[in-house]
Every structure is written in structure tokens, then in C-alpha cells.
Amino acid sequence: MVRGLGRGVAGVGVVVTLVFAGWLTWLLPGPQMVAVLGFGPVDGVVAIHECYEASDAEGYATGTDCTGRYTPRRPDGPPRDIVLDTAAHDYRPGTEVEVRTARGRAYERSGSAVFRFGTVIGLLLLPFLVLAAWLFACARRGRVADGDGYVFAALAGLVLAIVAAAVAGILVEIGMLVF
């Protein structure tokens, strides 16, 4: 009876962990990743004013950002100033770039942006996936599973998340060059 209850609790824990991980991924870097991968129609065009090397709050370089005037494709809003986050190139003033928007910023298809947001998603999902795998092992065995292997899997996953994001970024860059 207790073993069956433990299996059920661990099974529910797997589902709750995976649902929470998916929700958190969509809440934080998901819309930006969809935009930099180029899914969906183009939202509008940004006429570039200037480009500059951007940095995060700690002063580390995050790539090139550009400011410009955004004109939406649909007549749902007036043109406005916007930041083109993680631009694929250092554009000259006056260049027009097709963009997708997410959370008040403009994004274009860019391998460096795919690497940046892919790394964030991988590192965000990793602890939840390892926890879900451990809970699944607990549910399958009907007792608490040894967690040593899952710690090593998490460490390997850190490297794998960064490598996978780099490969995805390279593939996007190659795709942009070919097409």
C-alpha cells in the first residue's frame, strides 16, 4: 500500500516537474527563442539608426544591439522606436531589417541569438529534467533511487546544453547563408 502510494506521488511529481519546466521556459526565454528562430510571420521592419556593442548588467558583452524605428506590418499600431536585440550584423544607418517582436524588443534570425537563448533554455531545463528522471526512477522501482548517477548526468548535461546551443546557432547561420 505504502509502496504504491509512493509510486503514485513520484509519478505525479514527474508530471508536475515537467509541466512547470515547460511553463517556466515559455515564460522566460521562450518567445525570444521563437523570434530568433524565425517561426511565424514577420511582424514588421526596423529602419536602423545606430548599432553598438551591448553588455549585460555585469558588463559582459552580449553581442550587437541596434536602435531604430519600427514599422509594424499590420495597421494595429503606429511606428515607434525599438531595440533590435542581438542583431545578426553591424548594420549601417538606414538599413531596413525584417523582424519579429517579443516582449517589446525586435529580433531577427541570428545564429548568435540562437546560441544565447538556447544556452539559457538548456541551463534552465537541465535541473528539472534531471529531477524528473530521478523521480521517474523512484516511481519505477517503488523506492527512493540512488541519486549519484543523476548528479553526474546533470554535470554532463551542463556541457551538453552549451554544445547543443552552439551547434544550433551554427546550423542557423549556415541556413541563413544557404537560403
N, C-alpha and C. Protein backbone atom coordinates (compact mmCIF):
# COMPACT_ATOMS: atom_id res chain seq x y z
N MET A 1 0.82 -1.19 0.00
CA MET A 1 0.00 0.00 0.00
C MET A 1 0.86 1.26 0.00
N VAL A 2 1.85 1.32 0.91
CA VAL A 2 2.71 2.49 1.01
C VAL A 2 3.59 2.60 -0.24
N ARG A 3 4.05 1.45 -0.74
CA ARG A 3 4.89 1.44 -1.94
C ARG A 3 4.10 1.97 -3.14
N GLY A 4 2.86 1.56 -3.27
CA GLY A 4 2.02 2.03 -4.37
C GLY A 4 1.74 3.52 -4.27
N LEU A 5 1.54 4.01 -3.06
CA LEU A 5 1.31 5.44 -2.84
C LEU A 5 2.58 6.23 -3.20
N GLY A 6 3.73 5.71 -2.80
CA GLY A 6 4.99 6.37 -3.13
C GLY A 6 5.21 6.44 -4.63
N ARG A 7 4.86 5.36 -5.33
CA ARG A 7 4.98 5.35 -6.79
C ARG A 7 4.07 6.41 -7.41
N GLY A 8 2.85 6.50 -6.91
CA GLY A 8 1.92 7.49 -7.43
C GLY A 8 2.39 8.91 -7.19
N VAL A 9 2.90 9.18 -6.00
CA VAL A 9 3.40 10.52 -5.68
C VAL A 9 4.59 10.86 -6.57
N ALA A 10 5.50 9.91 -6.76
CA ALA A 10 6.67 10.15 -7.62
C ALA A 10 6.23 10.36 -9.06
N GLY A 11 5.24 9.60 -9.52
CA GLY A 11 4.73 9.77 -10.89
C GLY A 11 4.10 11.13 -11.09
N VAL A 12 3.32 11.57 -10.11
CA VAL A 12 2.72 12.91 -10.19
C VAL A 12 3.83 13.96 -10.14
N GLY A 13 4.86 13.71 -9.34
CA GLY A 13 6.00 14.64 -9.27
C GLY A 13 6.69 14.80 -10.61
N VAL A 14 6.80 13.71 -11.38
CA VAL A 14 7.40 13.79 -12.72
C VAL A 14 6.58 14.71 -13.60
N VAL A 15 5.27 14.50 -13.61
CA VAL A 15 4.40 15.30 -14.47
C VAL A 15 4.43 16.76 -14.05
N VAL A 16 4.33 17.03 -12.76
CA VAL A 16 4.33 18.41 -12.26
C VAL A 16 5.67 19.08 -12.59
N THR A 17 6.77 18.39 -12.42
CA THR A 17 8.09 18.94 -12.71
C THR A 17 8.23 19.31 -14.19
N LEU A 18 7.79 18.41 -15.07
CA LEU A 18 7.91 18.67 -16.50
C LEU A 18 6.98 19.79 -16.96
N VAL A 19 5.78 19.83 -16.41
CA VAL A 19 4.85 20.92 -16.76
C VAL A 19 5.40 22.25 -16.28
N PHE A 20 5.92 22.30 -15.06
CA PHE A 20 6.48 23.53 -14.53
C PHE A 20 7.69 23.98 -15.35
N ALA A 21 8.55 23.03 -15.75
CA ALA A 21 9.71 23.37 -16.57
C ALA A 21 9.29 23.95 -17.92
N GLY A 22 8.29 23.36 -18.54
CA GLY A 22 7.79 23.88 -19.81
C GLY A 22 7.20 25.27 -19.67
N TRP A 23 6.42 25.46 -18.61
CA TRP A 23 5.81 26.77 -18.37
C TRP A 23 6.88 27.83 -18.12
N LEU A 24 7.88 27.49 -17.30
CA LEU A 24 8.95 28.44 -16.98
C LEU A 24 9.77 28.78 -18.22
N THR A 25 10.00 27.80 -19.07
CA THR A 25 10.73 28.05 -20.31
C THR A 25 9.95 28.98 -21.21
N TRP A 26 8.65 28.77 -21.34
CA TRP A 26 7.85 29.66 -22.18
C TRP A 26 7.76 31.05 -21.56
N LEU A 27 7.71 31.12 -20.24
CA LEU A 27 7.58 32.40 -19.57
C LEU A 27 8.84 33.26 -19.72
N LEU A 28 10.01 32.65 -19.62
CA LEU A 28 11.24 33.44 -19.62
C LEU A 28 11.85 33.59 -21.02
N PRO A 29 12.57 32.60 -21.58
CA PRO A 29 13.22 32.83 -22.87
C PRO A 29 12.47 32.29 -24.08
N GLY A 30 11.31 31.71 -23.89
CA GLY A 30 10.60 31.06 -25.00
C GLY A 30 10.21 31.97 -26.15
N PRO A 31 9.52 33.10 -25.89
CA PRO A 31 9.12 33.97 -27.00
C PRO A 31 10.32 34.53 -27.79
N GLN A 32 11.40 34.84 -27.09
CA GLN A 32 12.58 35.34 -27.78
C GLN A 32 13.19 34.27 -28.67
N MET A 33 13.22 33.02 -28.19
CA MET A 33 13.78 31.93 -28.99
C MET A 33 12.94 31.69 -30.24
N VAL A 34 11.63 31.75 -30.11
CA VAL A 34 10.75 31.58 -31.27
C VAL A 34 11.03 32.69 -32.29
N ALA A 35 11.25 33.91 -31.82
CA ALA A 35 11.51 35.04 -32.71
C ALA A 35 12.85 34.90 -33.43
N VAL A 36 13.91 34.51 -32.71
CA VAL A 36 15.23 34.42 -33.35
C VAL A 36 15.34 33.20 -34.26
N LEU A 37 14.51 32.20 -34.05
CA LEU A 37 14.49 31.07 -34.98
C LEU A 37 13.70 31.39 -36.24
N GLY A 38 12.89 32.44 -36.19
CA GLY A 38 12.16 32.88 -37.37
C GLY A 38 10.83 32.18 -37.58
N PHE A 39 10.25 31.62 -36.53
CA PHE A 39 8.93 30.99 -36.66
C PHE A 39 7.86 32.06 -36.74
N GLY A 40 6.89 31.81 -37.58
CA GLY A 40 5.79 32.74 -37.72
C GLY A 40 6.09 33.85 -38.70
N PRO A 41 5.08 34.64 -38.99
CA PRO A 41 5.27 35.72 -39.97
C PRO A 41 6.11 36.86 -39.40
N VAL A 42 6.70 37.62 -40.28
CA VAL A 42 7.46 38.80 -39.90
C VAL A 42 6.48 39.84 -39.35
N ASP A 43 6.82 40.44 -38.21
CA ASP A 43 5.93 41.42 -37.58
C ASP A 43 6.05 42.81 -38.18
N GLY A 44 7.24 43.14 -38.68
CA GLY A 44 7.43 44.47 -39.23
C GLY A 44 8.86 44.69 -39.67
N VAL A 45 9.21 45.95 -39.86
CA VAL A 45 10.53 46.33 -40.35
C VAL A 45 11.12 47.39 -39.41
N VAL A 46 12.42 47.25 -39.14
CA VAL A 46 13.14 48.26 -38.35
C VAL A 46 14.09 48.99 -39.27
N ALA A 47 13.98 50.31 -39.33
CA ALA A 47 14.95 51.15 -40.03
C ALA A 47 16.02 51.52 -39.00
N ILE A 48 17.23 51.03 -39.21
CA ILE A 48 18.31 51.15 -38.23
C ILE A 48 18.79 52.60 -38.11
N HIS A 49 18.94 53.05 -36.87
CA HIS A 49 19.53 54.37 -36.59
C HIS A 49 21.01 54.19 -36.26
N GLU A 50 21.31 53.28 -35.31
CA GLU A 50 22.70 53.01 -34.95
C GLU A 50 22.82 51.63 -34.32
N CYS A 51 24.02 51.05 -34.42
CA CYS A 51 24.32 49.76 -33.79
C CYS A 51 25.47 49.96 -32.81
N TYR A 52 25.49 49.15 -31.78
CA TYR A 52 26.51 49.27 -30.74
C TYR A 52 26.71 47.92 -30.08
N GLU A 53 27.85 47.74 -29.44
CA GLU A 53 28.14 46.53 -28.69
C GLU A 53 27.36 46.59 -27.38
N ALA A 54 26.52 45.62 -27.16
CA ALA A 54 25.69 45.59 -25.96
C ALA A 54 26.40 44.80 -24.86
N SER A 55 26.02 45.09 -23.63
CA SER A 55 26.56 44.33 -22.50
C SER A 55 25.44 44.11 -21.49
N ASP A 56 25.64 43.08 -20.67
CA ASP A 56 24.63 42.79 -19.65
C ASP A 56 24.89 43.63 -18.41
N ALA A 57 24.16 43.36 -17.35
CA ALA A 57 24.26 44.16 -16.12
C ALA A 57 25.64 44.06 -15.48
N GLU A 58 26.36 42.96 -15.75
CA GLU A 58 27.68 42.78 -15.15
C GLU A 58 28.81 43.27 -16.05
N GLY A 59 28.46 43.78 -17.23
CA GLY A 59 29.46 44.33 -18.12
C GLY A 59 29.99 43.37 -19.18
N TYR A 60 29.46 42.15 -19.24
CA TYR A 60 29.90 41.19 -20.24
C TYR A 60 29.22 41.47 -21.58
N ALA A 61 29.98 41.34 -22.67
CA ALA A 61 29.43 41.60 -23.99
C ALA A 61 28.37 40.57 -24.34
N THR A 62 27.26 41.04 -24.89
CA THR A 62 26.16 40.14 -25.28
C THR A 62 25.89 40.18 -26.77
N GLY A 63 26.73 40.87 -27.54
CA GLY A 63 26.53 40.94 -28.97
C GLY A 63 26.21 42.36 -29.41
N THR A 64 25.68 42.46 -30.59
CA THR A 64 25.37 43.76 -31.17
C THR A 64 23.88 44.05 -31.04
N ASP A 65 23.55 45.20 -30.51
CA ASP A 65 22.18 45.68 -30.48
C ASP A 65 22.10 46.91 -31.38
N CYS A 66 20.93 47.15 -31.93
CA CYS A 66 20.73 48.31 -32.80
C CYS A 66 19.44 49.02 -32.37
N THR A 67 19.46 50.32 -32.47
CA THR A 67 18.23 51.09 -32.24
C THR A 67 17.69 51.52 -33.59
N GLY A 68 16.39 51.68 -33.65
CA GLY A 68 15.80 52.08 -34.92
C GLY A 68 14.32 52.36 -34.78
N ARG A 69 13.72 52.65 -35.91
CA ARG A 69 12.29 52.96 -35.98
C ARG A 69 11.57 51.74 -36.51
N TYR A 70 10.66 51.21 -35.70
CA TYR A 70 9.90 50.01 -36.03
C TYR A 70 8.58 50.39 -36.67
N THR A 71 8.33 49.77 -37.83
CA THR A 71 7.05 49.97 -38.52
C THR A 71 6.36 48.61 -38.61
N PRO A 72 5.23 48.43 -37.91
CA PRO A 72 4.56 47.14 -37.96
C PRO A 72 3.95 46.87 -39.33
N ARG A 73 3.87 45.59 -39.67
CA ARG A 73 3.25 45.20 -40.95
C ARG A 73 1.76 45.42 -40.92
N ARG A 74 1.15 45.09 -39.81
CA ARG A 74 -0.30 45.27 -39.66
C ARG A 74 -0.58 46.69 -39.21
N PRO A 75 -1.71 47.21 -39.57
CA PRO A 75 -2.04 48.58 -39.16
C PRO A 75 -2.54 48.66 -37.72
N ASP A 76 -2.01 47.82 -36.82
CA ASP A 76 -2.50 47.80 -35.44
C ASP A 76 -1.78 48.78 -34.53
N GLY A 77 -0.79 49.45 -35.04
CA GLY A 77 -0.09 50.39 -34.18
C GLY A 77 0.76 51.34 -35.00
N PRO A 78 1.08 52.48 -34.42
CA PRO A 78 1.91 53.45 -35.13
C PRO A 78 3.39 53.04 -35.07
N PRO A 79 4.20 53.58 -35.95
CA PRO A 79 5.64 53.33 -35.86
C PRO A 79 6.18 53.84 -34.52
N ARG A 80 7.21 53.17 -34.01
CA ARG A 80 7.79 53.56 -32.73
C ARG A 80 9.26 53.18 -32.71
N ASP A 81 9.99 53.75 -31.76
CA ASP A 81 11.40 53.40 -31.58
C ASP A 81 11.49 52.04 -30.88
N ILE A 82 12.50 51.26 -31.26
CA ILE A 82 12.65 49.91 -30.71
C ILE A 82 14.12 49.52 -30.74
N VAL A 83 14.47 48.53 -29.96
CA VAL A 83 15.83 47.98 -29.96
C VAL A 83 15.81 46.64 -30.67
N LEU A 84 16.70 46.48 -31.64
CA LEU A 84 16.91 45.20 -32.30
C LEU A 84 17.93 44.45 -31.47
N ASP A 85 17.47 43.48 -30.69
CA ASP A 85 18.29 42.76 -29.74
C ASP A 85 19.08 41.66 -30.45
N THR A 86 20.37 41.57 -30.16
CA THR A 86 21.28 40.55 -30.69
C THR A 86 21.19 40.50 -32.21
N ALA A 87 21.52 41.60 -32.85
CA ALA A 87 21.47 41.70 -34.31
C ALA A 87 22.47 40.74 -34.95
N ALA A 88 22.12 40.27 -36.13
CA ALA A 88 22.98 39.33 -36.85
C ALA A 88 24.21 40.04 -37.41
N HIS A 89 24.10 41.34 -37.71
CA HIS A 89 25.19 42.11 -38.31
C HIS A 89 25.26 43.48 -37.67
N ASP A 90 26.37 44.16 -37.91
CA ASP A 90 26.51 45.55 -37.50
C ASP A 90 26.01 46.39 -38.68
N TYR A 91 24.74 46.77 -38.66
CA TYR A 91 24.10 47.43 -39.79
C TYR A 91 24.47 48.90 -39.87
N ARG A 92 24.49 49.41 -41.10
CA ARG A 92 24.71 50.84 -41.30
C ARG A 92 23.38 51.57 -41.09
N PRO A 93 23.43 52.83 -40.68
CA PRO A 93 22.19 53.60 -40.51
C PRO A 93 21.39 53.64 -41.81
N GLY A 94 20.07 53.48 -41.67
CA GLY A 94 19.18 53.49 -42.82
C GLY A 94 18.83 52.11 -43.34
N THR A 95 19.56 51.08 -42.93
CA THR A 95 19.28 49.72 -43.38
C THR A 95 17.94 49.27 -42.79
N GLU A 96 17.14 48.61 -43.61
CA GLU A 96 15.86 48.09 -43.13
C GLU A 96 15.97 46.59 -42.91
N VAL A 97 15.53 46.14 -41.74
CA VAL A 97 15.64 44.74 -41.34
C VAL A 97 14.26 44.22 -40.96
N GLU A 98 13.87 43.07 -41.54
CA GLU A 98 12.61 42.44 -41.16
C GLU A 98 12.79 41.77 -39.81
N VAL A 99 11.82 41.98 -38.92
CA VAL A 99 11.95 41.49 -37.55
C VAL A 99 10.66 40.85 -37.06
N ARG A 100 10.82 40.08 -36.00
CA ARG A 100 9.71 39.57 -35.21
C ARG A 100 9.87 40.19 -33.82
N THR A 101 8.77 40.47 -33.17
CA THR A 101 8.85 41.12 -31.86
C THR A 101 8.46 40.16 -30.75
N ALA A 102 9.07 40.39 -29.60
CA ALA A 102 8.74 39.65 -28.38
C ALA A 102 9.11 40.52 -27.19
N ARG A 103 8.13 40.71 -26.32
CA ARG A 103 8.35 41.47 -25.09
C ARG A 103 8.92 42.86 -25.33
N GLY A 104 8.41 43.56 -26.34
CA GLY A 104 8.79 44.94 -26.57
C GLY A 104 10.11 45.15 -27.27
N ARG A 105 10.76 44.09 -27.72
CA ARG A 105 12.02 44.20 -28.44
C ARG A 105 11.89 43.50 -29.78
N ALA A 106 12.74 43.88 -30.71
CA ALA A 106 12.73 43.28 -32.04
C ALA A 106 13.84 42.24 -32.12
N TYR A 107 13.58 41.17 -32.85
CA TYR A 107 14.56 40.10 -33.04
C TYR A 107 14.56 39.68 -34.50
N GLU A 108 15.73 39.33 -35.00
CA GLU A 108 15.83 38.78 -36.34
C GLU A 108 16.48 37.40 -36.22
N ARG A 109 16.39 36.63 -37.29
CA ARG A 109 17.02 35.32 -37.30
C ARG A 109 18.53 35.52 -37.19
N SER A 110 19.12 34.91 -36.16
CA SER A 110 20.53 35.13 -35.88
C SER A 110 21.10 33.92 -35.16
N GLY A 111 22.23 33.41 -35.65
CA GLY A 111 22.88 32.28 -35.01
C GLY A 111 23.40 32.60 -33.62
N SER A 112 23.92 33.81 -33.43
CA SER A 112 24.42 34.17 -32.11
C SER A 112 23.28 34.29 -31.11
N ALA A 113 22.13 34.77 -31.55
CA ALA A 113 20.98 34.86 -30.66
C ALA A 113 20.43 33.48 -30.34
N VAL A 114 20.44 32.57 -31.31
CA VAL A 114 20.01 31.19 -31.06
C VAL A 114 20.93 30.55 -30.02
N PHE A 115 22.24 30.79 -30.14
CA PHE A 115 23.19 30.26 -29.15
C PHE A 115 22.89 30.85 -27.77
N ARG A 116 22.67 32.15 -27.72
CA ARG A 116 22.42 32.82 -26.43
C ARG A 116 21.16 32.30 -25.75
N PHE A 117 20.05 32.31 -26.47
CA PHE A 117 18.79 31.87 -25.86
C PHE A 117 18.73 30.35 -25.72
N GLY A 118 19.38 29.62 -26.61
CA GLY A 118 19.44 28.16 -26.49
C GLY A 118 20.20 27.73 -25.25
N THR A 119 21.27 28.43 -24.95
CA THR A 119 22.03 28.14 -23.73
C THR A 119 21.19 28.41 -22.49
N VAL A 120 20.48 29.52 -22.50
CA VAL A 120 19.61 29.86 -21.36
C VAL A 120 18.54 28.78 -21.18
N ILE A 121 17.91 28.36 -22.28
CA ILE A 121 16.87 27.33 -22.19
C ILE A 121 17.45 26.01 -21.70
N GLY A 122 18.60 25.62 -22.24
CA GLY A 122 19.22 24.36 -21.82
C GLY A 122 19.58 24.36 -20.35
N LEU A 123 20.19 25.44 -19.89
CA LEU A 123 20.58 25.51 -18.49
C LEU A 123 19.37 25.66 -17.56
N LEU A 124 18.29 26.24 -18.07
CA LEU A 124 17.06 26.36 -17.29
C LEU A 124 16.36 25.01 -17.16
N LEU A 125 16.31 24.25 -18.26
CA LEU A 125 15.61 22.97 -18.25
C LEU A 125 16.37 21.85 -17.54
N LEU A 126 17.69 21.93 -17.55
CA LEU A 126 18.51 20.83 -17.04
C LEU A 126 18.15 20.36 -15.63
N PRO A 127 18.06 21.23 -14.64
CA PRO A 127 17.73 20.73 -13.30
C PRO A 127 16.36 20.05 -13.23
N PHE A 128 15.40 20.57 -13.98
CA PHE A 128 14.07 19.97 -13.97
C PHE A 128 14.06 18.60 -14.64
N LEU A 129 14.80 18.46 -15.74
CA LEU A 129 14.87 17.17 -16.42
C LEU A 129 15.56 16.11 -15.57
N VAL A 130 16.62 16.52 -14.89
CA VAL A 130 17.32 15.57 -14.00
C VAL A 130 16.42 15.18 -12.83
N LEU A 131 15.73 16.14 -12.24
CA LEU A 131 14.79 15.84 -11.16
C LEU A 131 13.68 14.91 -11.63
N ALA A 132 13.14 15.17 -12.83
CA ALA A 132 12.08 14.31 -13.37
C ALA A 132 12.60 12.91 -13.63
N ALA A 133 13.82 12.77 -14.12
CA ALA A 133 14.40 11.44 -14.35
C ALA A 133 14.58 10.69 -13.03
N TRP A 134 15.03 11.39 -12.00
CA TRP A 134 15.20 10.75 -10.70
C TRP A 134 13.85 10.34 -10.12
N LEU A 135 12.85 11.21 -10.20
CA LEU A 135 11.52 10.87 -9.71
C LEU A 135 10.93 9.69 -10.48
N PHE A 136 11.18 9.65 -11.79
CA PHE A 136 10.70 8.53 -12.61
C PHE A 136 11.36 7.22 -12.16
N ALA A 137 12.65 7.26 -11.85
CA ALA A 137 13.34 6.07 -11.34
C ALA A 137 12.77 5.64 -9.99
N CYS A 138 12.45 6.60 -9.16
CA CYS A 138 11.82 6.29 -7.87
C CYS A 138 10.46 5.64 -8.08
N ALA A 139 9.68 6.16 -9.01
CA ALA A 139 8.35 5.61 -9.28
C ALA A 139 8.46 4.21 -9.87
N ARG A 140 9.42 4.00 -10.74
CA ARG A 140 9.58 2.70 -11.38
C ARG A 140 10.01 1.63 -10.38
N ARG A 141 10.92 1.97 -9.48
CA ARG A 141 11.44 0.99 -8.51
C ARG A 141 10.55 0.86 -7.27
N GLY A 142 9.75 1.87 -7.00
CA GLY A 142 8.91 1.82 -5.83
C GLY A 142 9.63 2.19 -4.55
N ARG A 143 10.82 2.74 -4.68
CA ARG A 143 11.61 3.19 -3.52
C ARG A 143 12.49 4.35 -3.97
N VAL A 144 13.11 5.01 -3.01
CA VAL A 144 13.98 6.14 -3.33
C VAL A 144 15.22 5.63 -4.06
N ALA A 145 15.47 6.17 -5.24
CA ALA A 145 16.61 5.76 -6.05
C ALA A 145 17.86 6.50 -5.61
N ASP A 146 19.00 5.86 -5.84
CA ASP A 146 20.29 6.48 -5.54
C ASP A 146 20.50 7.64 -6.51
N GLY A 147 20.90 8.79 -6.01
CA GLY A 147 21.00 9.99 -6.84
C GLY A 147 22.37 10.29 -7.39
N ASP A 148 23.38 9.44 -7.10
CA ASP A 148 24.74 9.75 -7.55
C ASP A 148 24.84 9.87 -9.07
N GLY A 149 24.26 8.95 -9.78
CA GLY A 149 24.33 8.99 -11.24
C GLY A 149 23.63 10.20 -11.82
N TYR A 150 22.61 10.68 -11.16
CA TYR A 150 21.87 11.84 -11.64
C TYR A 150 22.68 13.12 -11.45
N VAL A 151 23.52 13.16 -10.43
CA VAL A 151 24.41 14.31 -10.24
C VAL A 151 25.41 14.37 -11.39
N PHE A 152 25.98 13.23 -11.74
CA PHE A 152 26.92 13.20 -12.86
C PHE A 152 26.22 13.49 -14.19
N ALA A 153 25.00 13.04 -14.32
CA ALA A 153 24.22 13.35 -15.53
C ALA A 153 23.97 14.85 -15.63
N ALA A 154 23.71 15.49 -14.50
CA ALA A 154 23.50 16.94 -14.50
C ALA A 154 24.77 17.67 -14.91
N LEU A 155 25.91 17.22 -14.42
CA LEU A 155 27.18 17.86 -14.80
C LEU A 155 27.46 17.68 -16.29
N ALA A 156 27.22 16.49 -16.79
CA ALA A 156 27.39 16.26 -18.23
C ALA A 156 26.38 17.07 -19.03
N GLY A 157 25.18 17.22 -18.50
CA GLY A 157 24.14 18.00 -19.17
C GLY A 157 24.51 19.47 -19.30
N LEU A 158 25.26 20.00 -18.34
CA LEU A 158 25.70 21.40 -18.45
C LEU A 158 26.53 21.60 -19.71
N VAL A 159 27.47 20.69 -19.91
CA VAL A 159 28.32 20.77 -21.10
C VAL A 159 27.48 20.53 -22.35
N LEU A 160 26.62 19.53 -22.30
CA LEU A 160 25.79 19.19 -23.45
C LEU A 160 24.86 20.33 -23.85
N ALA A 161 24.32 21.04 -22.88
CA ALA A 161 23.42 22.17 -23.18
C ALA A 161 24.16 23.26 -23.94
N ILE A 162 25.37 23.56 -23.54
CA ILE A 162 26.14 24.60 -24.21
C ILE A 162 26.55 24.15 -25.61
N VAL A 163 26.99 22.89 -25.74
CA VAL A 163 27.38 22.36 -27.05
C VAL A 163 26.18 22.31 -27.99
N ALA A 164 25.03 21.86 -27.49
CA ALA A 164 23.83 21.80 -28.33
C ALA A 164 23.40 23.19 -28.79
N ALA A 165 23.49 24.17 -27.92
CA ALA A 165 23.14 25.54 -28.31
C ALA A 165 24.12 26.07 -29.35
N ALA A 166 25.40 25.76 -29.21
CA ALA A 166 26.39 26.19 -30.19
C ALA A 166 26.13 25.55 -31.55
N VAL A 167 25.82 24.26 -31.56
CA VAL A 167 25.52 23.56 -32.81
C VAL A 167 24.27 24.16 -33.47
N ALA A 168 23.24 24.44 -32.67
CA ALA A 168 22.02 25.04 -33.21
C ALA A 168 22.32 26.41 -33.80
N GLY A 169 23.13 27.21 -33.12
CA GLY A 169 23.50 28.52 -33.63
C GLY A 169 24.27 28.43 -34.94
N ILE A 170 25.18 27.47 -35.03
CA ILE A 170 25.96 27.27 -36.26
C ILE A 170 25.04 26.84 -37.39
N LEU A 171 24.11 25.93 -37.11
CA LEU A 171 23.18 25.48 -38.15
C LEU A 171 22.29 26.61 -38.65
N VAL A 172 21.86 27.48 -37.76
CA VAL A 172 21.05 28.64 -38.17
C VAL A 172 21.88 29.56 -39.05
N GLU A 173 23.13 29.80 -38.69
CA GLU A 173 24.00 30.65 -39.51
C GLU A 173 24.22 30.04 -40.89
N ILE A 174 24.45 28.73 -40.94
CA ILE A 174 24.62 28.06 -42.23
C ILE A 174 23.33 28.15 -43.05
N GLY A 175 22.21 27.93 -42.40
CA GLY A 175 20.94 28.05 -43.09
C GLY A 175 20.71 29.44 -43.65
N MET A 176 21.11 30.46 -42.90
CA MET A 176 20.95 31.83 -43.38
C MET A 176 21.86 32.10 -44.58
N LEU A 177 23.05 31.52 -44.59
CA LEU A 177 23.97 31.71 -45.71
C LEU A 177 23.47 30.99 -46.96
N VAL A 178 22.92 29.77 -46.78
CA VAL A 178 22.46 28.97 -47.91
C VAL A 178 21.17 29.52 -48.49
N PHE A 179 20.24 29.90 -47.63
CA PHE A 179 18.92 30.35 -48.10
C PHE A 179 18.87 31.85 -48.04
